[in-house]
C-alpha atoms as a PDB file:
ATOM      1  CA  MET A   1      69.565 -30.599 -20.146  1.00  0.00           C
ATOM      2  CA  LYS A   2      72.431 -28.366 -21.518  1.00  0.00           C
ATOM      3  CA  PRO A   3      74.576 -25.813 -19.767  1.00  0.00           C
ATOM      4  CA  ASP A   4      73.567 -22.144 -20.230  1.00  0.00           C
ATOM      5  CA  ALA A   5      75.756 -18.994 -20.302  1.00  0.00           C
ATOM      6  CA  ASP A   6      75.300 -18.289 -16.662  1.00  0.00           C
ATOM      7  CA  GLY A   7      76.829 -21.774 -15.657  1.00  0.00           C
ATOM      8  CA  GLY A   8      73.284 -23.004 -14.932  1.00  0.00           C
ATOM      9  CA  CYS A   9      71.302 -25.666 -16.920  1.00  0.00           C
ATOM     10  CA  THR A  10      68.420 -25.081 -19.461  1.00  0.00           C
ATOM     11  CA  MET A  11      65.774 -27.654 -20.170  1.00  0.00           C
ATOM     12  CA  THR A  12      65.589 -28.266 -23.876  1.00  0.00           C
ATOM     13  CA  ALA A  13      62.262 -28.422 -25.808  1.00  0.00           C
ATOM     14  CA  MET A  14      59.946 -30.571 -23.461  1.00  0.00           C
ATOM     15  CA  GLU A  15      62.665 -32.635 -21.731  1.00  0.00           C
ATOM     16  CA  GLY A  16      61.377 -34.015 -18.575  1.00  0.00           C
ATOM     17  CA  LEU A  17      57.553 -33.297 -19.260  1.00  0.00           C
ATOM     18  CA  GLU A  18      55.220 -36.194 -19.711  1.00  0.00           C
ATOM     19  CA  ASN A  19      52.854 -35.413 -22.464  1.00  0.00           C
ATOM     20  CA  LEU A  20      49.524 -36.533 -21.193  1.00  0.00           C
ATOM     21  CA  ASP A  21      47.453 -36.370 -24.418  1.00  0.00           C
ATOM     22  CA  GLY A  22      44.295 -36.049 -22.350  1.00  0.00           C
ATOM     23  CA  ILE A  23      44.959 -39.401 -20.871  1.00  0.00           C
ATOM     24  CA  ILE A  24      46.468 -39.960 -17.306  1.00  0.00           C
ATOM     25  CA  SER A  25      48.602 -43.053 -17.473  1.00  0.00           C
ATOM     26  CA  ASP A  26      49.497 -43.029 -13.815  1.00  0.00           C
ATOM     27  CA  PRO A  27      46.850 -41.186 -11.672  1.00  0.00           C
ATOM     28  CA  GLY A  28      49.181 -41.543  -8.591  1.00  0.00           C
ATOM     29  CA  GLU A  29      51.955 -39.828 -10.197  1.00  0.00           C
ATOM     30  CA  MET A  30      49.576 -36.934 -11.132  1.00  0.00           C
ATOM     31  CA  THR A  31      48.508 -36.729  -7.536  1.00  0.00           C
ATOM     32  CA  ARG A  32      52.148 -36.733  -6.428  1.00  0.00           C
ATOM     33  CA  ALA A  33      52.781 -33.731  -8.818  1.00  0.00           C
ATOM     34  CA  PHE A  34      49.819 -31.742  -7.702  1.00  0.00           C
ATOM     35  CA  SER A  35      50.748 -32.288  -4.077  1.00  0.00           C
ATOM     36  CA  GLY A  36      53.983 -30.435  -4.692  1.00  0.00           C
ATOM     37  CA  PHE A  37      51.923 -27.223  -4.597  1.00  0.00           C
ATOM     38  CA  PRO A  38      51.175 -26.129  -1.083  1.00  0.00           C
ATOM     39  CA  SER A  39      47.776 -24.948  -0.413  1.00  0.00           C
ATOM     40  CA  GLY A  40      45.666 -23.809   2.341  1.00  0.00           C
ATOM     41  CA  VAL A  41      43.170 -26.003   4.104  1.00  0.00           C
ATOM     42  CA  ALA A  42      39.635 -24.893   4.961  1.00  0.00           C
ATOM     43  CA  ALA A  43      36.693 -26.351   6.878  1.00  0.00           C
ATOM     44  CA  ILE A  44      33.458 -25.619   5.198  1.00  0.00           C
ATOM     45  CA  SER A  45      30.530 -25.874   7.542  1.00  0.00           C
ATOM     46  CA  ALA A  46      27.007 -25.015   8.392  1.00  0.00           C
ATOM     47  CA  ARG A  47      23.897 -26.122  10.124  1.00  0.00           C
ATOM     48  CA  VAL A  48      21.546 -27.743   7.744  1.00  0.00           C
ATOM     49  CA  GLN A  49      18.169 -29.188   8.996  1.00  0.00           C
ATOM     50  CA  ASP A  50      19.421 -29.071  12.596  1.00  0.00           C
ATOM     51  CA  ASP A  51      22.590 -30.976  11.796  1.00  0.00           C
ATOM     52  CA  PRO A  52      26.099 -29.512  11.908  1.00  0.00           C
ATOM     53  CA  ILE A  53      27.839 -30.365   8.614  1.00  0.00           C
ATOM     54  CA  VAL A  54      31.512 -29.912   7.641  1.00  0.00           C
ATOM     55  CA  MET A  55      33.790 -30.827   4.791  1.00  0.00           C
ATOM     56  CA  ILE A  56      37.581 -30.199   4.545  1.00  0.00           C
ATOM     57  CA  VAL A  57      39.035 -28.847   1.372  1.00  0.00           C
ATOM     58  CA  SER A  58      42.680 -28.286   0.134  1.00  0.00           C
ATOM     59  CA  SER A  59      41.517 -26.657  -3.007  1.00  0.00           C
ATOM     60  CA  PHE A  60      40.281 -23.389  -1.172  1.00  0.00           C
ATOM     61  CA  ALA A  61      41.403 -20.151  -2.986  1.00  0.00           C
ATOM     62  CA  VAL A  62      40.935 -16.468  -1.968  1.00  0.00           C
ATOM     63  CA  GLY A  63      41.125 -13.480  -4.161  1.00  0.00           C
ATOM     64  CA  VAL A  64      38.801 -14.789  -7.021  1.00  0.00           C
ATOM     65  CA  SER A  65      37.295 -11.382  -6.950  1.00  0.00           C
ATOM     66  CA  HIS A  66      37.736  -8.323  -4.529  1.00  0.00           C
ATOM     67  CA  ASN A  67      34.652  -6.521  -5.885  1.00  0.00           C
ATOM     68  CA  PRO A  68      32.475  -8.267  -4.971  1.00  0.00           C
ATOM     69  CA  PRO A  69      34.543 -10.315  -2.580  1.00  0.00           C
ATOM     70  CA  MET A  70      34.633 -13.973  -3.736  1.00  0.00           C
ATOM     71  CA  VAL A  71      36.421 -17.214  -2.926  1.00  0.00           C
ATOM     72  CA  SER A  72      36.403 -20.711  -4.383  1.00  0.00           C
ATOM     73  CA  PHE A  73      36.951 -24.280  -3.742  1.00  0.00           C
ATOM     74  CA  ALA A  74      36.459 -27.576  -5.777  1.00  0.00           C
ATOM     75  CA  ALA A  75      34.065 -30.373  -4.746  1.00  0.00           C
ATOM     76  CA  GLN A  76      34.386 -33.825  -6.004  1.00  0.00           C
ATOM     77  CA  HIS A  77      31.298 -35.110  -7.733  1.00  0.00           C
ATOM     78  CA  THR A  78      31.436 -38.083  -5.431  1.00  0.00           C
ATOM     79  CA  SER A  79      31.222 -35.941  -2.423  1.00  0.00           C
ATOM     80  CA  THR A  80      28.184 -36.860  -0.183  1.00  0.00           C
ATOM     81  CA  THR A  81      28.637 -33.959   2.112  1.00  0.00           C
ATOM     82  CA  TRP A  82      28.860 -31.043  -0.431  1.00  0.00           C
ATOM     83  CA  PRO A  83      25.287 -31.707  -1.890  1.00  0.00           C
ATOM     84  CA  VAL A  84      23.928 -31.314   1.783  1.00  0.00           C
ATOM     85  CA  LEU A  85      26.012 -28.123   2.459  1.00  0.00           C
ATOM     86  CA  SER A  86      25.080 -26.581  -0.724  1.00  0.00           C
ATOM     87  CA  ARG A  87      21.616 -26.251   0.608  1.00  0.00           C
ATOM     88  CA  ALA A  88      22.613 -24.170   3.495  1.00  0.00           C
ATOM     89  CA  GLN A  89      21.529 -20.557   3.883  1.00  0.00           C
ATOM     90  CA  ALA A  90      25.072 -19.442   4.549  1.00  0.00           C
ATOM     91  CA  ILE A  91      28.349 -21.243   4.897  1.00  0.00           C
ATOM     92  CA  GLY A  92      31.250 -20.787   7.242  1.00  0.00           C
ATOM     93  CA  ILE A  93      34.753 -20.978   6.055  1.00  0.00           C
ATOM     94  CA  SER A  94      37.365 -21.504   8.633  1.00  0.00           C
ATOM     95  CA  VAL A  95      41.064 -21.650   7.491  1.00  0.00           C
ATOM     96  CA  LEU A  96      42.499 -24.423   9.649  1.00  0.00           C
ATOM     97  CA  GLY A  97      45.082 -23.135  11.985  1.00  0.00           C
ATOM     98  CA  GLU A  98      47.915 -24.673  14.149  1.00  0.00           C
ATOM     99  CA  GLY A  99      45.605 -25.719  16.814  1.00  0.00           C
ATOM    100  CA  HIS A 100      43.647 -27.976  14.296  1.00  0.00           C
ATOM    101  CA  SER A 101      46.437 -30.082  13.128  1.00  0.00           C
ATOM    102  CA  ASP A 102      45.303 -32.947  15.381  1.00  0.00           C
ATOM    103  CA  LYS A 103      41.726 -32.569  14.405  1.00  0.00           C
ATOM    104  CA  ALA A 104      41.969 -32.266  10.554  1.00  0.00           C
ATOM    105  CA  ARG A 105      41.470 -36.048   9.868  1.00  0.00           C
ATOM    106  CA  GLN A 106      38.519 -36.154  12.364  1.00  0.00           C
ATOM    107  CA  LEU A 107      36.830 -33.299  10.582  1.00  0.00           C
ATOM    108  CA  ALA A 108      37.390 -34.919   7.274  1.00  0.00           C
ATOM    109  CA  SER A 109      36.262 -38.419   8.274  1.00  0.00           C
ATOM    110  CA  ARG A 110      33.878 -40.465   6.063  1.00  0.00           C
ATOM    111  CA  SER A 111      31.753 -40.992   9.222  1.00  0.00           C
ATOM    112  CA  LYS A 112      29.682 -37.809   9.674  1.00  0.00           C
ATOM    113  CA  ALA A 113      29.173 -38.725  13.326  1.00  0.00           C
ATOM    114  CA  GLY A 114      31.593 -37.057  15.683  1.00  0.00           C
ATOM    115  CA  ARG A 115      33.294 -34.800  13.125  1.00  0.00           C
ATOM    116  CA  PHE A 116      32.883 -31.931  15.614  1.00  0.00           C
ATOM    117  CA  ALA A 117      33.682 -33.930  18.795  1.00  0.00           C
ATOM    118  CA  ASP A 118      35.904 -31.915  21.280  1.00  0.00           C
ATOM    119  CA  LEU A 119      35.967 -28.924  18.924  1.00  0.00           C
ATOM    120  CA  ARG A 120      34.801 -25.495  19.925  1.00  0.00           C
ATOM    121  CA  THR A 121      32.625 -23.838  17.389  1.00  0.00           C
ATOM    122  CA  VAL A 122      30.868 -20.520  16.933  1.00  0.00           C
ATOM    123  CA  GLU A 123      27.626 -20.402  14.914  1.00  0.00           C
ATOM    124  CA  ALA A 124      26.254 -17.300  13.243  1.00  0.00           C
ATOM    125  CA  ALA A 125      22.535 -16.616  13.105  1.00  0.00           C
ATOM    126  CA  SER A 126      22.659 -17.540   9.507  1.00  0.00           C
ATOM    127  CA  GLY A 127      23.738 -21.153  10.499  1.00  0.00           C
ATOM    128  CA  ALA A 128      27.295 -20.790   9.372  1.00  0.00           C
ATOM    129  CA  ILE A 129      29.639 -22.636  11.593  1.00  0.00           C
ATOM    130  CA  PHE A 130      33.197 -21.507  12.444  1.00  0.00           C
ATOM    131  CA  LEU A 131      36.019 -23.298  14.163  1.00  0.00           C
ATOM    132  CA  ASP A 132      37.458 -21.584  17.163  1.00  0.00           C
ATOM    133  CA  GLY A 133      41.110 -20.833  16.576  1.00  0.00           C
ATOM    134  CA  ALA A 134      41.098 -20.419  12.949  1.00  0.00           C
ATOM    135  CA  PRO A 135      43.197 -17.517  11.602  1.00  0.00           C
ATOM    136  CA  VAL A 136      40.435 -16.596   9.165  1.00  0.00           C
ATOM    137  CA  TRP A 137      36.561 -16.878   9.250  1.00  0.00           C
ATOM    138  CA  LEU A 138      34.488 -16.098   6.134  1.00  0.00           C
ATOM    139  CA  GLU A 139      30.654 -16.171   6.039  1.00  0.00           C
ATOM    140  CA  CYS A 140      29.518 -16.988   2.655  1.00  0.00           C
ATOM    141  CA  THR A 141      26.786 -17.909   0.220  1.00  0.00           C
ATOM    142  CA  VAL A 142      27.045 -20.008  -2.927  1.00  0.00           C
ATOM    143  CA  GLU A 143      27.238 -17.561  -5.993  1.00  0.00           C
ATOM    144  CA  HIS A 144      28.190 -20.086  -8.770  1.00  0.00           C
ATOM    145  CA  SER A 145      28.910 -23.713  -9.677  1.00  0.00           C
ATOM    146  CA  TYR A 146      30.903 -24.717 -12.693  1.00  0.00           C
ATOM    147  CA  PRO A 147      31.668 -28.266 -13.862  1.00  0.00           C
ATOM    148  CA  ALA A 148      35.427 -29.049 -14.162  1.00  0.00           C
ATOM    149  CA  GLY A 149      36.006 -32.618 -15.018  1.00  0.00           C
ATOM    150  CA  ASP A 150      35.372 -34.976 -11.868  1.00  0.00           C
ATOM    151  CA  HIS A 151      34.905 -31.756  -9.814  1.00  0.00           C
ATOM    152  CA  ASP A 152      32.652 -28.679  -9.636  1.00  0.00           C
ATOM    153  CA  ILE A 153      34.245 -25.321  -8.901  1.00  0.00           C
ATOM    154  CA  ILE A 154      32.268 -23.609  -6.331  1.00  0.00           C
ATOM    155  CA  VAL A 155      32.390 -19.810  -6.134  1.00  0.00           C
ATOM    156  CA  LEU A 156      31.184 -18.276  -2.863  1.00  0.00           C
ATOM    157  CA  ARG A 157      30.274 -14.626  -2.168  1.00  0.00           C
ATOM    158  CA  VAL A 158      31.867 -13.357   1.179  1.00  0.00           C
ATOM    159  CA  LEU A 159      29.324 -11.701   3.261  1.00  0.00           C
ATOM    160  CA  ALA A 160      31.275 -11.177   6.498  1.00  0.00           C
ATOM    161  CA  MET A 161      34.908 -11.888   7.657  1.00  0.00           C
ATOM    162  CA  ARG A 162      37.231 -11.891  10.571  1.00  0.00           C
ATOM    163  CA  SER A 163      40.999 -12.490  10.602  1.00  0.00           C
ATOM    164  CA  ASP A 164      43.502 -13.057  13.447  1.00  0.00           C
ATOM    165  CA  ASP A 165      47.091 -12.262  12.390  1.00  0.00           C
ATOM    166  CA  ALA A 166      48.447 -13.786  15.550  1.00  0.00           C
ATOM    167  CA  ARG A 167      47.280 -17.273  14.371  1.00  0.00           C
ATOM    168  CA  SER A 168      49.127 -19.231  11.794  1.00  0.00           C
ATOM    169  CA  PRO A 169      47.373 -21.368   9.043  1.00  0.00           C
ATOM    170  CA  LEU A 170      48.118 -24.972   8.208  1.00  0.00           C
ATOM    171  CA  VAL A 171      49.115 -25.947   4.644  1.00  0.00           C
ATOM    172  CA  TRP A 172      48.634 -29.251   2.745  1.00  0.00           C
ATOM    173  CA  HIS A 173      51.916 -30.111   1.124  1.00  0.00           C
ATOM    174  CA  ARG A 174      53.030 -33.430  -0.331  1.00  0.00           C
ATOM    175  CA  ARG A 175      49.879 -35.108   1.183  1.00  0.00           C
ATOM    176  CA  THR A 176      50.713 -33.826   4.726  1.00  0.00           C
ATOM    177  CA  LEU A 177      49.507 -31.130   6.893  1.00  0.00           C
ATOM    178  CA  LYS A 178      52.347 -28.692   7.728  1.00  0.00           C
ATOM    179  CA  MET A 179      52.494 -25.485   9.847  1.00  0.00           C
ATOM    180  CA  LEU A 180      53.424 -22.396   8.093  1.00  0.00           C
ATOM    181  CA  GLY A 181      56.651 -20.884   9.421  1.00  0.00           C
ATOM    182  CA  SER A 182      56.972 -17.166  10.276  1.00  0.00           C
END
């Protein structure tokens, strides 16, 4: 680094950046770097063939499109939950709120049994399931799926929504759930 005219420092040409050349030498280091970007956490859930199914994602993104309204998330190719959820008539998106911090790992458990234990939910006529206490609910259908490396990017069309400004969302940052300060 070299000093600039304002008394700060300026990075020279690629100093400090690791050139990956398409090869990740240390996947753990990449995960650490990616975890520095805080993201919202959402429960994606629906009733499929009489079973309530849920998966937790930290790749959820809003504002993909406003007209028509669309959101997105990424699903790993190794997921056993997404192939089941993708068959649902409609999917409920619940942005996790402060009251869910102690239940997030339970919802994300590899064991499908008991994921909803001791959680209050609301189910739409379409089968979309929502977590009580979430700051945002979105009822969606799958619009597109795009391959992206070891994930698929799933684009959902929003059919209905509800938001509660009195509730604060959780964020995923540095591999930890944190409450968003006001």
